[in-house]
Amino acid sequence: TNFNKNVVGFMDETYQALNNYAWPGNLRELENTIE
């Protein structure tokens, strides 16, 4: 919404990659990654 982009979701492989990652930076790192 902020960037006015037509991006509606994630590929299944992307969800898998996100879930398998340890996220040492926690929410801050996740938000930067998604942005």
PDB file of all heavy atoms in Angstrom:
ATOM      1  N   THR A   1       0.834  -1.208   0.000  1.00  0.00           N
ATOM      2  CA  THR A   1       0.000   0.000   0.000  1.00  0.00           C
ATOM      3  C   THR A   1       0.868   1.257   0.000  1.00  0.00           C
ATOM      4  O   THR A   1       0.622   2.193  -0.765  1.00  0.00           O
ATOM      5  CB  THR A   1      -0.925   0.001   1.232  1.00  0.00           C
ATOM      6  OG1 THR A   1      -1.761  -1.162   1.205  1.00  0.00           O
ATOM      7  CG2 THR A   1      -1.790   1.253   1.251  1.00  0.00           C
ATOM      8  N   ASN A   2       1.901   1.260   0.844  1.00  0.00           N
ATOM      9  CA  ASN A   2       2.767   2.445   0.945  1.00  0.00           C
ATOM     10  C   ASN A   2       3.454   2.761  -0.381  1.00  0.00           C
ATOM     11  O   ASN A   2       3.603   3.929  -0.759  1.00  0.00           O
ATOM     12  CB  ASN A   2       3.831   2.233   2.020  1.00  0.00           C
ATOM     13  CG  ASN A   2       3.249   2.282   3.425  1.00  0.00           C
ATOM     14  OD1 ASN A   2       2.079   2.626   3.608  1.00  0.00           O
ATOM     15  ND2 ASN A   2       4.048   1.927   4.414  1.00  0.00           N
ATOM     16  N   PHE A   3       3.898   1.700  -1.085  1.00  0.00           N
ATOM     17  CA  PHE A   3       4.644   1.892  -2.323  1.00  0.00           C
ATOM     18  C   PHE A   3       3.761   1.785  -3.567  1.00  0.00           C
ATOM     19  O   PHE A   3       4.270   1.846  -4.681  1.00  0.00           O
ATOM     20  CB  PHE A   3       5.776   0.859  -2.409  1.00  0.00           C
ATOM     21  CG  PHE A   3       6.756   0.936  -1.262  1.00  0.00           C
ATOM     22  CD1 PHE A   3       7.229  -0.225  -0.660  1.00  0.00           C
ATOM     23  CD2 PHE A   3       7.198   2.152  -0.782  1.00  0.00           C
ATOM     24  CE1 PHE A   3       8.119  -0.169   0.400  1.00  0.00           C
ATOM     25  CE2 PHE A   3       8.089   2.228   0.276  1.00  0.00           C
ATOM     26  CZ  PHE A   3       8.555   1.070   0.866  1.00  0.00           C
ATOM     27  N   ASN A   4       2.443   1.593  -3.341  1.00  0.00           N
ATOM     28  CA  ASN A   4       1.494   1.494  -4.450  1.00  0.00           C
ATOM     29  C   ASN A   4       1.921   0.425  -5.458  1.00  0.00           C
ATOM     30  O   ASN A   4       1.967   0.660  -6.661  1.00  0.00           O
ATOM     31  CB  ASN A   4       1.344   2.852  -5.142  1.00  0.00           C
ATOM     32  CG  ASN A   4       0.142   2.896  -6.068  1.00  0.00           C
ATOM     33  OD1 ASN A   4      -0.850   2.193  -5.858  1.00  0.00           O
ATOM     34  ND2 ASN A   4       0.215   3.710  -7.107  1.00  0.00           N
ATOM     35  N   LYS A   5       2.228  -0.766  -4.934  1.00  0.00           N
ATOM     36  CA  LYS A   5       2.654  -1.875  -5.781  1.00  0.00           C
ATOM     37  C   LYS A   5       1.628  -2.998  -5.722  1.00  0.00           C
ATOM     38  O   LYS A   5       1.048  -3.282  -4.670  1.00  0.00           O
ATOM     39  CB  LYS A   5       4.025  -2.394  -5.348  1.00  0.00           C
ATOM     40  CG  LYS A   5       5.165  -1.401  -5.545  1.00  0.00           C
ATOM     41  CD  LYS A   5       6.509  -2.104  -5.634  1.00  0.00           C
ATOM     42  CE  LYS A   5       6.610  -3.023  -6.823  1.00  0.00           C
ATOM     43  NZ  LYS A   5       7.949  -3.611  -6.995  1.00  0.00           N
ATOM     44  N   ASN A   6       1.415  -3.639  -6.855  1.00  0.00           N
ATOM     45  CA  ASN A   6       0.452  -4.735  -6.951  1.00  0.00           C
ATOM     46  C   ASN A   6       1.126  -6.055  -6.564  1.00  0.00           C
ATOM     47  O   ASN A   6       1.324  -6.938  -7.386  1.00  0.00           O
ATOM     48  CB  ASN A   6      -0.119  -4.812  -8.370  1.00  0.00           C
ATOM     49  CG  ASN A   6      -1.207  -5.865  -8.481  1.00  0.00           C
ATOM     50  OD1 ASN A   6      -1.923  -6.132  -7.514  1.00  0.00           O
ATOM     51  ND2 ASN A   6      -1.334  -6.472  -9.656  1.00  0.00           N
ATOM     52  N   VAL A   7       1.497  -6.153  -5.307  1.00  0.00           N
ATOM     53  CA  VAL A   7       2.087  -7.378  -4.762  1.00  0.00           C
ATOM     54  C   VAL A   7       1.082  -7.942  -3.767  1.00  0.00           C
ATOM     55  O   VAL A   7       0.720  -7.271  -2.791  1.00  0.00           O
ATOM     56  CB  VAL A   7       3.435  -7.103  -4.065  1.00  0.00           C
ATOM     57  CG1 VAL A   7       4.051  -8.394  -3.551  1.00  0.00           C
ATOM     58  CG2 VAL A   7       4.390  -6.405  -5.022  1.00  0.00           C
ATOM     59  N   VAL A   8       0.620  -9.161  -4.004  1.00  0.00           N
ATOM     60  CA  VAL A   8      -0.515  -9.673  -3.225  1.00  0.00           C
ATOM     61  C   VAL A   8      -0.170 -10.844  -2.316  1.00  0.00           C
ATOM     62  O   VAL A   8      -0.989 -11.258  -1.499  1.00  0.00           O
ATOM     63  CB  VAL A   8      -1.665 -10.088  -4.169  1.00  0.00           C
ATOM     64  CG1 VAL A   8      -2.164  -8.880  -4.961  1.00  0.00           C
ATOM     65  CG2 VAL A   8      -1.227 -11.198  -5.119  1.00  0.00           C
ATOM     66  N   GLY A   9       1.025 -11.434  -2.465  1.00  0.00           N
ATOM     67  CA  GLY A   9       1.343 -12.577  -1.616  1.00  0.00           C
ATOM     68  C   GLY A   9       2.741 -13.111  -1.847  1.00  0.00           C
ATOM     69  O   GLY A   9       3.576 -12.472  -2.501  1.00  0.00           O
ATOM     70  N   PHE A  10       2.986 -14.302  -1.303  1.00  0.00           N
ATOM     71  CA  PHE A  10       4.293 -14.958  -1.372  1.00  0.00           C
ATOM     72  C   PHE A  10       4.164 -16.311  -2.074  1.00  0.00           C
ATOM     73  O   PHE A  10       3.143 -16.994  -1.948  1.00  0.00           O
ATOM     74  CB  PHE A  10       4.848 -15.216   0.028  1.00  0.00           C
ATOM     75  CG  PHE A  10       5.098 -13.984   0.849  1.00  0.00           C
ATOM     76  CD1 PHE A  10       4.078 -13.421   1.612  1.00  0.00           C
ATOM     77  CD2 PHE A  10       6.349 -13.387   0.869  1.00  0.00           C
ATOM     78  CE1 PHE A  10       4.308 -12.300   2.387  1.00  0.00           C
ATOM     79  CE2 PHE A  10       6.588 -12.261   1.639  1.00  0.00           C
ATOM     80  CZ  PHE A  10       5.556 -11.710   2.399  1.00  0.00           C
ATOM     81  N   MET A  11       5.193 -16.699  -2.805  1.00  0.00           N
ATOM     82  CA  MET A  11       5.276 -18.064  -3.302  1.00  0.00           C
ATOM     83  C   MET A  11       5.472 -19.011  -2.121  1.00  0.00           C
ATOM     84  O   MET A  11       6.003 -18.624  -1.073  1.00  0.00           O
ATOM     85  CB  MET A  11       6.449 -18.219  -4.277  1.00  0.00           C
ATOM     86  CG  MET A  11       6.302 -17.472  -5.574  1.00  0.00           C
ATOM     87  SD  MET A  11       7.720 -17.788  -6.683  1.00  0.00           S
ATOM     88  CE  MET A  11       7.221 -16.833  -8.107  1.00  0.00           C
ATOM     89  N   ASP A  12       5.042 -20.257  -2.282  1.00  0.00           N
ATOM     90  CA  ASP A  12       5.208 -21.239  -1.209  1.00  0.00           C
ATOM     91  C   ASP A  12       6.676 -21.400  -0.829  1.00  0.00           C
ATOM     92  O   ASP A  12       7.011 -21.556   0.349  1.00  0.00           O
ATOM     93  CB  ASP A  12       4.620 -22.586  -1.630  1.00  0.00           C
ATOM     94  CG  ASP A  12       3.097 -22.563  -1.725  1.00  0.00           C
ATOM     95  OD1 ASP A  12       2.493 -21.654  -1.116  1.00  0.00           O
ATOM     96  OD2 ASP A  12       2.522 -23.436  -2.401  1.00  0.00           O
ATOM     97  N   GLU A  13       7.558 -21.367  -1.835  1.00  0.00           N
ATOM     98  CA  GLU A  13       8.993 -21.518  -1.556  1.00  0.00           C
ATOM     99  C   GLU A  13       9.527 -20.349  -0.716  1.00  0.00           C
ATOM    100  O   GLU A  13      10.443 -20.514   0.086  1.00  0.00           O
ATOM    101  CB  GLU A  13       9.782 -21.598  -2.869  1.00  0.00           C
ATOM    102  CG  GLU A  13       9.468 -22.830  -3.716  1.00  0.00           C
ATOM    103  CD  GLU A  13       8.310 -22.583  -4.669  1.00  0.00           C
ATOM    104  OE1 GLU A  13       7.562 -21.590  -4.467  1.00  0.00           O
ATOM    105  OE2 GLU A  13       8.156 -23.371  -5.612  1.00  0.00           O
ATOM    106  N   THR A  14       8.923 -19.160  -0.894  1.00  0.00           N
ATOM    107  CA  THR A  14       9.350 -17.996  -0.120  1.00  0.00           C
ATOM    108  C   THR A  14       8.937 -18.147   1.338  1.00  0.00           C
ATOM    109  O   THR A  14       9.722 -17.865   2.255  1.00  0.00           O
ATOM    110  CB  THR A  14       8.749 -16.706  -0.703  1.00  0.00           C
ATOM    111  OG1 THR A  14       8.958 -16.679  -2.118  1.00  0.00           O
ATOM    112  CG2 THR A  14       9.393 -15.479  -0.072  1.00  0.00           C
ATOM    113  N   TYR A  15       7.686 -18.609   1.532  1.00  0.00           N
ATOM    114  CA  TYR A  15       7.253 -18.885   2.913  1.00  0.00           C
ATOM    115  C   TYR A  15       8.196 -19.889   3.576  1.00  0.00           C
ATOM    116  O   TYR A  15       8.559 -19.748   4.742  1.00  0.00           O
ATOM    117  CB  TYR A  15       5.841 -19.452   2.912  1.00  0.00           C
ATOM    118  CG  TYR A  15       4.736 -18.443   2.883  1.00  0.00           C
ATOM    119  CD1 TYR A  15       3.658 -18.594   2.016  1.00  0.00           C
ATOM    120  CD2 TYR A  15       4.737 -17.344   3.752  1.00  0.00           C
ATOM    121  CE1 TYR A  15       2.617 -17.668   1.997  1.00  0.00           C
ATOM    122  CE2 TYR A  15       3.705 -16.415   3.728  1.00  0.00           C
ATOM    123  CZ  TYR A  15       2.644 -16.587   2.857  1.00  0.00           C
ATOM    124  OH  TYR A  15       1.614 -15.676   2.838  1.00  0.00           O
ATOM    125  N   GLN A  16       8.583 -20.914   2.820  1.00  0.00           N
ATOM    126  CA  GLN A  16       9.471 -21.940   3.372  1.00  0.00           C
ATOM    127  C   GLN A  16      10.816 -21.329   3.768  1.00  0.00           C
ATOM    128  O   GLN A  16      11.348 -21.627   4.845  1.00  0.00           O
ATOM    129  CB  GLN A  16       9.685 -23.054   2.343  1.00  0.00           C
ATOM    130  CG  GLN A  16      10.573 -24.188   2.844  1.00  0.00           C
ATOM    131  CD  GLN A  16      10.760 -25.276   1.790  1.00  0.00           C
ATOM    132  OE1 GLN A  16      10.170 -25.212   0.718  1.00  0.00           O
ATOM    133  NE2 GLN A  16      11.582 -26.248   2.098  1.00  0.00           N
ATOM    134  N   ALA A  17      11.345 -20.469   2.899  1.00  0.00           N
ATOM    135  CA  ALA A  17      12.627 -19.831   3.200  1.00  0.00           C
ATOM    136  C   ALA A  17      12.519 -18.928   4.426  1.00  0.00           C
ATOM    137  O   ALA A  17      13.409 -18.909   5.284  1.00  0.00           O
ATOM    138  CB  ALA A  17      13.106 -19.019   1.995  1.00  0.00           C
ATOM    139  N   LEU A  18      11.416 -18.183   4.536  1.00  0.00           N
ATOM    140  CA  LEU A  18      11.222 -17.298   5.684  1.00  0.00           C
ATOM    141  C   LEU A  18      11.094 -18.091   6.983  1.00  0.00           C
ATOM    142  O   LEU A  18      11.641 -17.715   8.023  1.00  0.00           O
ATOM    143  CB  LEU A  18       9.975 -16.430   5.476  1.00  0.00           C
ATOM    144  CG  LEU A  18      10.029 -15.408   4.337  1.00  0.00           C
ATOM    145  CD1 LEU A  18       8.664 -14.749   4.154  1.00  0.00           C
ATOM    146  CD2 LEU A  18      11.097 -14.357   4.589  1.00  0.00           C
ATOM    147  N   ASN A  19      10.375 -19.215   6.915  1.00  0.00           N
ATOM    148  CA  ASN A  19      10.172 -20.028   8.117  1.00  0.00           C
ATOM    149  C   ASN A  19      11.434 -20.751   8.549  1.00  0.00           C
ATOM    150  O   ASN A  19      11.617 -21.033   9.738  1.00  0.00           O
ATOM    151  CB  ASN A  19       9.055 -21.047   7.875  1.00  0.00           C
ATOM    152  CG  ASN A  19       7.672 -20.432   7.958  1.00  0.00           C
ATOM    153  OD1 ASN A  19       7.427 -19.571   8.797  1.00  0.00           O
ATOM    154  ND2 ASN A  19       6.770 -20.857   7.091  1.00  0.00           N
ATOM    155  N   ASN A  20      12.308 -21.061   7.612  1.00  0.00           N
ATOM    156  CA  ASN A  20      13.531 -21.811   7.941  1.00  0.00           C
ATOM    157  C   ASN A  20      14.647 -20.924   8.471  1.00  0.00           C
ATOM    158  O   ASN A  20      15.650 -21.427   8.972  1.00  0.00           O
ATOM    159  CB  ASN A  20      14.040 -22.561   6.701  1.00  0.00           C
ATOM    160  CG  ASN A  20      13.181 -23.768   6.378  1.00  0.00           C
ATOM    161  OD1 ASN A  20      12.472 -24.292   7.238  1.00  0.00           O
ATOM    162  ND2 ASN A  20      13.240 -24.215   5.132  1.00  0.00           N
ATOM    163  N   TYR A  21      14.471 -19.621   8.363  1.00  0.00           N
ATOM    164  CA  TYR A  21      15.523 -18.682   8.772  1.00  0.00           C
ATOM    165  C   TYR A  21      15.434 -18.425  10.281  1.00  0.00           C
ATOM    166  O   TYR A  21      14.352 -18.459  10.873  1.00  0.00           O
ATOM    167  CB  TYR A  21      15.365 -17.388   7.982  1.00  0.00           C
ATOM    168  CG  TYR A  21      16.450 -16.375   8.219  1.00  0.00           C
ATOM    169  CD1 TYR A  21      17.787 -16.714   8.074  1.00  0.00           C
ATOM    170  CD2 TYR A  21      16.138 -15.069   8.592  1.00  0.00           C
ATOM    171  CE1 TYR A  21      18.784 -15.777   8.281  1.00  0.00           C
ATOM    172  CE2 TYR A  21      17.126 -14.129   8.795  1.00  0.00           C
ATOM    173  CZ  TYR A  21      18.446 -14.494   8.643  1.00  0.00           C
ATOM    174  OH  TYR A  21      19.438 -13.572   8.857  1.00  0.00           O
ATOM    175  N   ALA A  22      16.570 -18.160  10.918  1.00  0.00           N
ATOM    176  CA  ALA A  22      16.623 -18.010  12.380  1.00  0.00           C
ATOM    177  C   ALA A  22      16.206 -16.627  12.863  1.00  0.00           C
ATOM    178  O   ALA A  22      15.895 -16.448  14.033  1.00  0.00           O
ATOM    179  CB  ALA A  22      18.044 -18.306  12.878  1.00  0.00           C
ATOM    180  N   TRP A  23      16.252 -15.598  12.018  1.00  0.00           N
ATOM    181  CA  TRP A  23      15.876 -14.229  12.348  1.00  0.00           C
ATOM    182  C   TRP A  23      16.583 -13.704  13.593  1.00  0.00           C
ATOM    183  O   TRP A  23      15.946 -13.385  14.609  1.00  0.00           O
ATOM    184  CB  TRP A  23      14.351 -14.109  12.520  1.00  0.00           C
ATOM    185  CG  TRP A  23      13.608 -14.437  11.271  1.00  0.00           C
ATOM    186  CD1 TRP A  23      12.836 -15.537  11.041  1.00  0.00           C
ATOM    187  CD2 TRP A  23      13.603 -13.685  10.045  1.00  0.00           C
ATOM    188  NE1 TRP A  23      12.341 -15.519   9.759  1.00  0.00           N
ATOM    189  CE2 TRP A  23      12.793 -14.399   9.126  1.00  0.00           C
ATOM    190  CE3 TRP A  23      14.191 -12.481   9.658  1.00  0.00           C
ATOM    191  CZ2 TRP A  23      12.585 -13.952   7.831  1.00  0.00           C
ATOM    192  CZ3 TRP A  23      13.967 -12.037   8.356  1.00  0.00           C
ATOM    193  CH2 TRP A  23      13.173 -12.768   7.470  1.00  0.00           C
ATOM    194  N   PRO A  24      17.901 -13.580  13.548  1.00  0.00           N
ATOM    195  CA  PRO A  24      18.622 -13.032  14.708  1.00  0.00           C
ATOM    196  C   PRO A  24      18.224 -11.603  15.022  1.00  0.00           C
ATOM    197  O   PRO A  24      18.339 -11.156  16.164  1.00  0.00           O
ATOM    198  CB  PRO A  24      20.092 -13.123  14.285  1.00  0.00           C
ATOM    199  CG  PRO A  24      20.066 -13.178  12.791  1.00  0.00           C
ATOM    200  CD  PRO A  24      18.823 -13.938  12.449  1.00  0.00           C
ATOM    201  N   GLY A  25      17.749 -10.853  14.006  1.00  0.00           N
ATOM    202  CA  GLY A  25      17.292  -9.482  14.234  1.00  0.00           C
ATOM    203  C   GLY A  25      15.824  -9.378  14.562  1.00  0.00           C
ATOM    204  O   GLY A  25      15.282  -8.270  14.698  1.00  0.00           O
ATOM    205  N   ASN A  26      15.137 -10.535  14.654  1.00  0.00           N
ATOM    206  CA  ASN A  26      13.737 -10.612  15.062  1.00  0.00           C
ATOM    207  C   ASN A  26      12.824  -9.751  14.192  1.00  0.00           C
ATOM    208  O   ASN A  26      13.024  -9.681  12.986  1.00  0.00           O
ATOM    209  CB  ASN A  26      13.614 -10.259  16.550  1.00  0.00           C
ATOM    210  CG  ASN A  26      14.221 -11.350  17.423  1.00  0.00           C
ATOM    211  OD1 ASN A  26      13.724 -12.463  17.460  1.00  0.00           O
ATOM    212  ND2 ASN A  26      15.324 -11.033  18.095  1.00  0.00           N
ATOM    213  N   LEU A  27      11.819  -9.086  14.786  1.00  0.00           N
ATOM    214  CA  LEU A  27      10.818  -8.363  14.006  1.00  0.00           C
ATOM    215  C   LEU A  27      11.434  -7.267  13.142  1.00  0.00           C
ATOM    216  O   LEU A  27      10.995  -7.037  12.024  1.00  0.00           O
ATOM    217  CB  LEU A  27       9.784  -7.727  14.946  1.00  0.00           C
ATOM    218  CG  LEU A  27       8.795  -8.667  15.633  1.00  0.00           C
ATOM    219  CD1 LEU A  27       7.906  -7.877  16.584  1.00  0.00           C
ATOM    220  CD2 LEU A  27       7.951  -9.401  14.614  1.00  0.00           C
ATOM    221  N   ARG A  28      12.450  -6.625  13.673  1.00  0.00           N
ATOM    222  CA  ARG A  28      13.089  -5.533  12.921  1.00  0.00           C
ATOM    223  C   ARG A  28      13.688  -6.064  11.618  1.00  0.00           C
ATOM    224  O   ARG A  28      13.544  -5.458  10.556  1.00  0.00           O
ATOM    225  CB  ARG A  28      14.164  -4.880  13.792  1.00  0.00           C
ATOM    226  CG  ARG A  28      14.750  -3.617  13.197  1.00  0.00           C
ATOM    227  CD  ARG A  28      15.771  -3.011  14.140  1.00  0.00           C
ATOM    228  NE  ARG A  28      15.169  -2.632  15.414  1.00  0.00           N
ATOM    229  CZ  ARG A  28      15.578  -3.073  16.608  1.00  0.00           C
ATOM    230  NH1 ARG A  28      16.584  -3.917  16.679  1.00  0.00           N
ATOM    231  NH2 ARG A  28      15.002  -2.664  17.710  1.00  0.00           N
ATOM    232  N   GLU A  29      14.351  -7.209  11.692  1.00  0.00           N
ATOM    233  CA  GLU A  29      14.960  -7.787  10.493  1.00  0.00           C
ATOM    234  C   GLU A  29      13.891  -8.282   9.530  1.00  0.00           C
ATOM    235  O   GLU A  29      14.016  -8.116   8.308  1.00  0.00           O
ATOM    236  CB  GLU A  29      15.896  -8.934  10.884  1.00  0.00           C
ATOM    237  CG  GLU A  29      16.638  -9.534   9.695  1.00  0.00           C
ATOM    238  CD  GLU A  29      17.532 -10.702  10.077  1.00  0.00           C
ATOM    239  OE1 GLU A  29      17.438 -11.190  11.224  1.00  0.00           O
ATOM    240  OE2 GLU A  29      18.314 -11.148   9.206  1.00  0.00           O
ATOM    241  N   LEU A  30      12.836  -8.906  10.061  1.00  0.00           N
ATOM    242  CA  LEU A  30      11.755  -9.391   9.199  1.00  0.00           C
ATOM    243  C   LEU A  30      11.101  -8.247   8.450  1.00  0.00           C
ATOM    244  O   LEU A  30      10.861  -8.338   7.235  1.00  0.00           O
ATOM    245  CB  LEU A  30      10.711 -10.137  10.042  1.00  0.00           C
ATOM    246  CG  LEU A  30       9.467 -10.616   9.284  1.00  0.00           C
ATOM    247  CD1 LEU A  30       9.835 -11.641   8.219  1.00  0.00           C
ATOM    248  CD2 LEU A  30       8.435 -11.197  10.246  1.00  0.00           C
ATOM    249  N   GLU A  31      10.827  -7.151   9.137  1.00  0.00           N
ATOM    250  CA  GLU A  31      10.160  -6.023   8.486  1.00  0.00           C
ATOM    251  C   GLU A  31      11.045  -5.427   7.389  1.00  0.00           C
ATOM    252  O   GLU A  31      10.564  -5.100   6.300  1.00  0.00           O
ATOM    253  CB  GLU A  31       9.787  -4.954   9.508  1.00  0.00           C
ATOM    254  CG  GLU A  31       9.037  -3.788   8.899  1.00  0.00           C
ATOM    255  CD  GLU A  31       8.247  -2.989   9.912  1.00  0.00           C
ATOM    256  OE1 GLU A  31       8.456  -3.190  11.127  1.00  0.00           O
ATOM    257  OE2 GLU A  31       7.414  -2.160   9.487  1.00  0.00           O
ATOM    258  N   ASN A  32      12.338  -5.285   7.663  1.00  0.00           N
ATOM    259  CA  ASN A  32      13.246  -4.760   6.640  1.00  0.00           C
ATOM    260  C   ASN A  32      13.308  -5.679   5.431  1.00  0.00           C
ATOM    261  O   ASN A  32      13.380  -5.228   4.283  1.00  0.00           O
ATOM    262  CB  ASN A  32      14.646  -4.578   7.227  1.00  0.00           C
ATOM    263  CG  ASN A  32      14.716  -3.446   8.228  1.00  0.00           C
ATOM    264  OD1 ASN A  32      13.834  -2.588   8.261  1.00  0.00           O
ATOM    265  ND2 ASN A  32      15.742  -3.444   9.055  1.00  0.00           N
ATOM    266  N   THR A  33      13.277  -6.994   5.692  1.00  0.00           N
ATOM    267  CA  THR A  33      13.328  -7.980   4.609  1.00  0.00           C
ATOM    268  C   THR A  33      12.093  -7.899   3.729  1.00  0.00           C
ATOM    269  O   THR A  33      12.187  -7.918   2.490  1.00  0.00           O
ATOM    270  CB  THR A  33      13.465  -9.401   5.198  1.00  0.00           C
ATOM    271  OG1 THR A  33      14.697  -9.497   5.929  1.00  0.00           O
ATOM    272  CG2 THR A  33      13.455 -10.453   4.092  1.00  0.00           C
ATOM    273  N   ILE A  34      10.911  -7.795   4.351  1.00  0.00           N
ATOM    274  CA  ILE A  34       9.670  -7.732   3.583  1.00  0.00           C
ATOM    275  C   ILE A  34       9.571  -6.415   2.822  1.00  0.00           C
ATOM    276  O   ILE A  34       9.139  -6.387   1.659  1.00  0.00           O
ATOM    277  CB  ILE A  34       8.444  -7.912   4.510  1.00  0.00           C
ATOM    278  CG1 ILE A  34       8.528  -9.259   5.250  1.00  0.00           C
ATOM    279  CG2 ILE A  34       7.154  -7.824   3.704  1.00  0.00           C
ATOM    280  CD1 ILE A  34       8.653 -10.468   4.354  1.00  0.00           C
ATOM    281  N   GLU A  35       9.988  -5.325   3.444  1.00  0.00           N
ATOM    282  CA  GLU A  35       9.963  -4.029   2.764  1.00  0.00           C
ATOM    283  C   GLU A  35      10.826  -4.068   1.508  1.00  0.00           C
ATOM    284  O   GLU A  35      10.401  -3.624   0.430  1.00  0.00           O
ATOM    285  CB  GLU A  35      10.465  -2.926   3.699  1.00  0.00           C
ATOM    286  CG  GLU A  35      10.474  -1.543   3.063  1.00  0.00           C
ATOM    287  CD  GLU A  35      11.001  -0.477   3.993  1.00  0.00           C
ATOM    288  OE1 GLU A  35      11.467  -0.818   5.102  1.00  0.00           O
ATOM    289  OE2 GLU A  35      10.965   0.710   3.608  1.00  0.00           O
TER     290      GLU A  35
END
